Amino acid sequence: MRKLFVFLLALSSMARIMAQPANPCSACLQDGITFSTQSDIDNFQVNYPGCTSIMGGVVTISGSDITNLNGLSVLTSIVGILEIKGCNNLTSLSGLDNLTSIGSILYIHLNSSLTELSALNHLTSIGSALWIESNVSLSSIAGLSNLTSINGTLNVDYNPALTSLSGLDNIDTASISGYFVVYNSSLFDCAVKSLCDFLASGTIFNQIHNNAGGCNSPFEVGDACEHMDVETPSPEPLLTIYPNPAASTLVIGSGSSGLLTIRNPAGQLLLQRETTGTKTILDISGWKSGIYFVQIAGVKGLYSGKILKL
């Protein structure tokens, strides 16, 4: 009888084990976690098998020893805060490619070698705020192009290599409570839809200053947004400007001849001429540093672009 009882007990235990989901640890770490070494990153899947969602607290990735985030490739969501800071040997965020949502704040700052954010191209929502600050090598944030909601403030500060806000285009303006873009010394292209719509809404919670010409005040950005509105989409690039930025000689290429006009951010006409070929060479060495707007009105339509004069 005793043997039968032990056998039935073992059978019951086995049934419970078999009835458990194959991935019992899909959610983990309700108090967050700190990754301070590359070993911490590499061992994540070993230490927390099956974990695809970190359920709360602060997830901090910080340490000059960290060179890649590949060990975090299983993560699809972080319910709390994600802070990536002081990773001075991290050039990209490769490893976060499957991350789709962050429940609170995404804070990326003080990563001196980080150049781009393309690994975040599946991120669609942030729960409280987006903060990108003091990443001295960051030249592109285009990887955020699928982000549609941040439910808080948007801050892009002290990133001296950044030239464009392209990547923030698709954020719903209704989810932005404040837009702050300051001290990005090379940033000249701020006419992205989310910022244009935010300024057009009349919301006063914004600071835009100490960037490059064209993105040095809400008025400059607003003017650039107006020029953006008259652009005619084309299935192929019918207007090319190179090199851009430029210091002395500039080549403007177009798909057809037409009337070429160039204006400064105040809307003043600086140059107007008929182009008869597909390439126009200009000497801009005497122009002041800043942003200028180019248009070519031809038989195929109106094409617009921007010049950054160094």
Protein backbone atom coordinates (compact mmCIF):
# COMPACT_ATOMS: atom_id res chain seq x y z
CA MET A 1 0.00 0.00 0.00
CA ARG A 2 2.83 2.38 0.91
CA LYS A 3 4.54 1.66 -2.42
CA LEU A 4 1.32 2.43 -4.26
CA PHE A 5 0.99 5.75 -2.40
CA VAL A 6 4.57 6.75 -3.25
CA PHE A 7 4.00 5.78 -6.87
CA LEU A 8 0.79 7.84 -7.11
CA LEU A 9 2.51 10.81 -5.44
CA ALA A 10 5.39 10.66 -7.92
CA LEU A 11 2.94 10.35 -10.79
CA SER A 12 1.03 13.40 -9.54
CA SER A 13 4.23 15.44 -9.25
CA MET A 14 5.27 14.44 -12.76
CA ALA A 15 1.84 15.47 -14.10
CA ARG A 16 2.16 18.91 -12.49
CA ILE A 17 5.62 19.39 -14.00
CA MET A 18 4.40 18.33 -17.44
CA ALA A 19 1.41 20.69 -17.12
CA GLN A 20 3.67 23.74 -16.53
CA PRO A 21 4.26 26.02 -19.53
CA ALA A 22 7.39 25.28 -21.53
CA ASN A 23 8.66 28.79 -20.77
CA PRO A 24 7.76 29.40 -17.12
CA CYS A 25 10.06 32.37 -16.70
CA SER A 26 8.86 34.64 -19.54
CA ALA A 27 8.61 37.48 -16.98
CA CYS A 28 11.23 38.12 -14.32
CA LEU A 29 13.07 40.64 -12.15
CA GLN A 30 10.27 42.76 -10.70
CA ASP A 31 12.87 44.95 -8.97
CA GLY A 32 15.00 45.50 -12.08
CA ILE A 33 18.64 44.59 -12.63
CA THR A 34 22.05 46.22 -13.13
CA PHE A 35 24.46 45.06 -15.83
CA SER A 36 27.91 46.45 -15.06
CA THR A 37 30.17 44.07 -17.03
CA GLN A 38 30.14 42.25 -20.34
CA SER A 39 29.92 39.01 -18.38
CA ASP A 40 26.65 40.21 -16.81
CA ILE A 41 25.24 40.73 -20.31
CA ASP A 42 26.56 37.44 -21.70
CA ASN A 43 25.20 35.38 -18.78
CA PHE A 44 21.70 36.88 -18.70
CA GLN A 45 20.03 34.01 -20.55
CA VAL A 46 21.85 31.47 -18.39
CA ASN A 47 20.95 33.20 -15.12
CA TYR A 48 17.34 33.92 -16.14
CA PRO A 49 16.35 31.21 -18.62
CA GLY A 50 13.28 31.98 -20.70
CA CYS A 51 13.01 35.56 -19.46
CA THR A 52 11.73 37.86 -22.22
CA SER A 53 10.20 40.65 -20.11
CA ILE A 54 11.77 42.48 -17.15
CA MET A 55 8.79 43.37 -15.00
CA GLY A 56 9.76 46.48 -13.02
CA GLY A 57 12.31 48.67 -11.31
CA VAL A 58 15.29 50.08 -13.17
CA VAL A 59 17.29 48.19 -15.77
CA THR A 60 20.72 49.82 -15.74
CA ILE A 61 23.39 49.03 -18.32
CA SER A 62 26.56 50.82 -17.26
CA GLY A 63 30.24 49.96 -17.54
CA SER A 64 33.21 50.62 -19.82
CA ASP A 65 33.77 46.86 -19.99
CA ILE A 66 30.55 46.44 -22.01
CA THR A 67 31.10 46.18 -25.78
CA ASN A 68 27.83 44.59 -26.96
CA LEU A 69 24.34 43.76 -25.71
CA ASN A 70 23.86 40.52 -27.64
CA GLY A 71 23.07 38.58 -24.48
CA LEU A 72 19.86 40.61 -24.12
CA SER A 73 18.52 39.65 -27.54
CA VAL A 74 15.63 37.69 -25.99
CA LEU A 75 14.10 40.75 -24.34
CA THR A 76 10.87 42.04 -25.89
CA SER A 77 9.73 44.44 -23.15
CA ILE A 78 10.91 46.29 -20.06
CA VAL A 79 8.10 47.42 -17.79
CA GLY A 80 10.15 49.94 -15.81
CA ILE A 81 13.05 52.26 -16.68
CA LEU A 82 15.86 51.42 -19.12
CA GLU A 83 19.02 53.42 -18.48
CA ILE A 84 22.09 52.99 -20.69
CA LYS A 85 24.94 55.13 -19.40
CA GLY A 86 28.72 55.31 -19.26
CA CYS A 87 29.25 52.44 -21.71
CA ASN A 88 32.25 54.05 -23.37
CA ASN A 89 33.14 51.05 -25.55
CA LEU A 90 29.61 50.47 -26.81
CA THR A 91 29.24 51.64 -30.44
CA SER A 92 25.69 50.38 -31.04
CA LEU A 93 22.77 48.91 -29.12
CA SER A 94 22.83 45.67 -31.08
CA GLY A 95 21.20 43.06 -28.88
CA LEU A 96 18.11 45.13 -28.13
CA ASP A 97 16.73 44.42 -31.61
CA ASN A 98 13.63 42.62 -30.29
CA LEU A 99 12.65 45.24 -27.73
CA THR A 100 9.18 46.61 -28.56
CA SER A 101 8.13 48.54 -25.45
CA ILE A 102 9.52 50.31 -22.39
CA GLY A 103 6.98 51.00 -19.65
CA SER A 104 8.64 54.06 -18.13
CA ILE A 105 11.72 56.07 -19.21
CA LEU A 106 14.35 55.37 -21.85
CA TYR A 107 17.49 57.21 -20.78
CA ILE A 108 20.58 57.00 -23.04
CA HIS A 109 23.44 59.20 -21.84
CA LEU A 110 27.19 59.52 -21.46
CA ASN A 111 28.08 56.77 -23.95
CA SER A 112 31.09 58.29 -25.68
CA SER A 113 31.43 55.73 -28.52
CA LEU A 114 27.75 55.19 -29.34
CA THR A 115 27.15 56.26 -32.96
CA GLU A 116 23.61 55.14 -33.83
CA LEU A 117 20.41 53.56 -32.50
CA SER A 118 19.39 51.25 -35.34
CA ALA A 119 18.96 48.28 -32.97
CA LEU A 120 15.89 50.02 -31.53
CA ASN A 121 14.00 49.82 -34.82
CA HIS A 122 11.30 47.58 -33.30
CA LEU A 123 10.63 49.89 -30.34
CA THR A 124 7.12 51.35 -30.68
CA SER A 125 6.21 52.77 -27.26
CA ILE A 126 7.76 54.40 -24.19
CA GLY A 127 5.68 54.96 -21.07
CA SER A 128 7.07 58.17 -19.50
CA ALA A 129 9.88 59.96 -21.34
CA LEU A 130 12.68 59.71 -23.89
CA TRP A 131 16.01 61.24 -22.92
CA ILE A 132 19.08 61.18 -25.21
CA GLU A 133 21.90 63.17 -23.66
CA SER A 134 25.67 63.69 -23.82
CA ASN A 135 26.56 60.98 -26.33
CA VAL A 136 29.45 62.71 -28.07
CA SER A 137 29.72 60.36 -31.08
CA LEU A 138 26.01 59.87 -31.72
CA SER A 139 25.40 60.99 -35.31
CA SER A 140 22.04 59.34 -36.06
CA ILE A 141 18.84 58.51 -34.18
CA ALA A 142 17.08 57.24 -37.30
CA GLY A 143 16.71 53.84 -35.63
CA LEU A 144 13.79 55.22 -33.60
CA SER A 145 11.62 55.62 -36.70
CA ASN A 146 9.01 53.07 -35.53
CA LEU A 147 8.49 54.81 -32.19
CA THR A 148 4.92 56.17 -32.08
CA SER A 149 4.32 57.06 -28.42
CA ILE A 150 6.40 58.35 -25.48
CA ASN A 151 3.71 59.63 -23.04
CA GLY A 152 5.98 62.31 -21.59
CA THR A 153 8.82 64.65 -22.44
CA LEU A 154 11.25 64.27 -25.31
CA ASN A 155 14.79 65.46 -24.58
CA VAL A 156 17.72 65.57 -27.02
CA ASP A 157 20.60 67.41 -25.35
CA TYR A 158 24.38 67.80 -25.66
CA ASN A 159 24.96 65.41 -28.58
CA PRO A 160 27.56 67.34 -30.62
CA ALA A 161 27.76 64.94 -33.60
CA LEU A 162 24.01 64.74 -34.19
CA THR A 163 22.89 66.57 -37.36
CA SER A 164 19.23 65.56 -37.72
CA LEU A 165 16.19 64.60 -35.65
CA SER A 166 15.16 62.15 -38.36
CA GLY A 167 13.86 59.10 -36.54
CA LEU A 168 11.47 61.04 -34.32
CA ASP A 169 9.07 61.68 -37.22
CA ASN A 170 6.34 59.21 -36.29
CA ILE A 171 5.79 59.98 -32.61
CA ASP A 172 2.19 60.99 -31.96
CA THR A 173 2.25 64.62 -30.85
CA ALA A 174 -0.55 63.93 -28.37
CA SER A 175 1.84 61.67 -26.45
CA ILE A 176 4.48 64.42 -26.08
CA SER A 177 4.16 66.74 -23.05
CA GLY A 178 7.36 68.71 -23.70
CA TYR A 179 9.97 68.95 -26.47
CA PHE A 180 13.49 69.97 -25.43
CA VAL A 181 16.34 70.13 -27.97
CA VAL A 182 19.38 72.03 -26.69
CA TYR A 183 23.17 72.20 -27.03
CA ASN A 184 23.52 69.89 -30.02
CA SER A 185 26.15 71.93 -31.84
CA SER A 186 25.88 70.21 -35.26
CA LEU A 187 22.11 69.77 -35.28
CA PHE A 188 20.57 71.74 -38.18
CA ASP A 189 17.67 69.55 -39.34
CA CYS A 190 14.83 69.65 -36.80
CA ALA A 191 11.89 69.81 -39.21
CA VAL A 192 10.50 66.39 -38.37
CA LYS A 193 6.76 65.85 -38.25
CA SER A 194 6.49 65.28 -34.50
CA LEU A 195 8.25 68.57 -33.69
CA CYS A 196 6.51 70.51 -36.47
CA ASP A 197 3.11 69.33 -35.22
CA PHE A 198 4.08 70.03 -31.61
CA LEU A 199 5.05 73.63 -32.39
CA ALA A 200 1.98 74.11 -34.58
CA SER A 201 -0.24 73.02 -31.67
CA GLY A 202 0.90 76.10 -29.73
CA THR A 203 2.17 74.11 -26.75
CA ILE A 204 4.59 76.28 -24.80
CA PHE A 205 6.52 73.48 -23.13
CA ASN A 206 9.53 73.54 -25.42
CA GLN A 207 13.13 74.66 -25.41
CA ILE A 208 15.10 74.78 -28.65
CA HIS A 209 18.42 76.61 -28.52
CA ASN A 210 22.21 76.35 -28.82
CA ASN A 211 22.01 74.04 -31.83
CA ALA A 212 23.27 74.74 -35.37
CA GLY A 213 21.55 77.27 -37.62
CA GLY A 214 18.08 76.17 -38.68
CA CYS A 215 17.46 74.51 -35.32
CA ASN A 216 18.45 77.28 -32.96
CA SER A 217 14.99 78.45 -31.89
CA PRO A 218 11.33 77.47 -32.22
CA PHE A 219 11.02 80.20 -34.87
CA GLU A 220 13.79 78.72 -37.03
CA VAL A 221 12.30 75.26 -36.74
CA GLY A 222 8.83 76.59 -37.49
CA ASP A 223 10.14 78.26 -40.64
CA ALA A 224 11.83 75.04 -41.73
CA CYS A 225 8.55 73.21 -41.10
CA GLU A 226 6.77 75.59 -43.47
CA HIS A 227 9.30 74.88 -46.18
CA MET A 228 8.90 71.16 -45.53
CA ASP A 229 5.16 71.46 -46.15
CA VAL A 230 5.68 72.57 -49.77
CA GLU A 231 7.90 69.66 -50.67
CA THR A 232 6.46 67.37 -53.33
CA PRO A 233 7.11 63.70 -52.64
CA SER A 234 8.77 61.86 -55.48
CA PRO A 235 9.36 58.17 -56.12
CA GLU A 236 12.97 58.91 -56.92
CA PRO A 237 15.53 61.44 -55.62
CA LEU A 238 15.17 64.27 -58.15
CA LEU A 239 17.17 66.74 -56.08
CA THR A 240 20.66 66.02 -54.78
CA ILE A 241 22.97 68.37 -52.88
CA TYR A 242 26.59 67.49 -52.25
CA PRO A 243 28.77 67.77 -50.32
CA ASN A 244 26.38 68.66 -47.54
CA PRO A 245 27.48 70.19 -45.18
CA ALA A 246 29.78 72.26 -47.39
CA ALA A 247 32.28 75.05 -46.86
CA SER A 248 33.05 76.39 -50.34
CA THR A 249 31.84 74.51 -53.44
CA LEU A 250 28.39 72.97 -53.72
CA VAL A 251 26.84 70.82 -56.45
CA ILE A 252 23.07 70.77 -56.89
CA GLY A 253 21.73 68.03 -59.12
CA SER A 254 18.16 67.68 -60.34
CA GLY A 255 16.12 65.48 -62.61
CA SER A 256 15.22 68.37 -64.88
CA SER A 257 15.99 72.01 -65.64
CA GLY A 258 13.96 74.73 -63.97
CA LEU A 259 14.05 77.79 -61.73
CA LEU A 260 16.55 77.43 -58.88
CA THR A 261 15.98 79.55 -55.75
CA ILE A 262 17.90 79.62 -52.48
CA ARG A 263 16.64 81.38 -49.34
CA ASN A 264 17.92 81.87 -45.80
CA PRO A 265 15.90 80.85 -42.70
CA ALA A 266 14.25 84.29 -42.66
CA GLY A 267 12.87 83.62 -46.13
CA GLN A 268 15.10 86.19 -47.86
CA LEU A 269 15.97 85.35 -51.46
CA LEU A 270 19.74 84.89 -51.89
CA LEU A 271 19.92 83.36 -55.35
CA GLN A 272 17.59 82.80 -58.27
CA ARG A 273 18.57 81.48 -61.67
CA GLU A 274 17.38 79.27 -64.47
CA THR A 275 19.11 75.90 -64.70
CA THR A 276 19.40 74.34 -68.11
CA GLY A 277 21.21 71.14 -67.18
CA THR A 278 20.95 68.54 -64.46
CA LYS A 279 23.91 69.87 -62.46
CA THR A 280 24.61 73.33 -61.01
CA ILE A 281 27.91 74.20 -59.31
CA LEU A 282 27.86 77.06 -56.78
CA ASP A 283 30.59 78.92 -54.90
CA ILE A 284 29.23 79.44 -51.37
CA SER A 285 32.52 80.37 -49.69
CA GLY A 286 31.24 83.89 -49.00
CA TRP A 287 28.01 82.77 -47.36
CA LYS A 288 27.51 82.92 -43.60
CA SER A 289 27.47 79.64 -41.71
CA GLY A 290 23.98 78.26 -41.26
CA ILE A 291 21.11 76.56 -42.99
CA TYR A 292 19.67 77.50 -46.40
CA PHE A 293 16.66 76.24 -48.31
CA VAL A 294 16.84 75.14 -51.95
CA GLN A 295 13.99 74.78 -54.42
CA ILE A 296 13.90 73.87 -58.08
CA ALA A 297 10.62 74.49 -59.91
CA GLY A 298 10.67 72.48 -63.11
CA VAL A 299 8.31 70.81 -65.51
CA LYS A 300 8.25 67.69 -63.32
CA GLY A 301 7.27 69.55 -60.17
CA LEU A 302 8.68 71.44 -57.21
CA TYR A 303 11.63 69.89 -55.37
CA SER A 304 13.07 71.15 -52.09
CA GLY A 305 16.16 70.55 -49.99
CA LYS A 306 18.48 72.06 -47.41
CA ILE A 307 22.10 73.21 -47.34
CA LEU A 308 24.25 73.43 -44.22
CA LYS A 309 27.04 75.97 -44.79
CA LEU A 310 30.04 75.37 -42.53
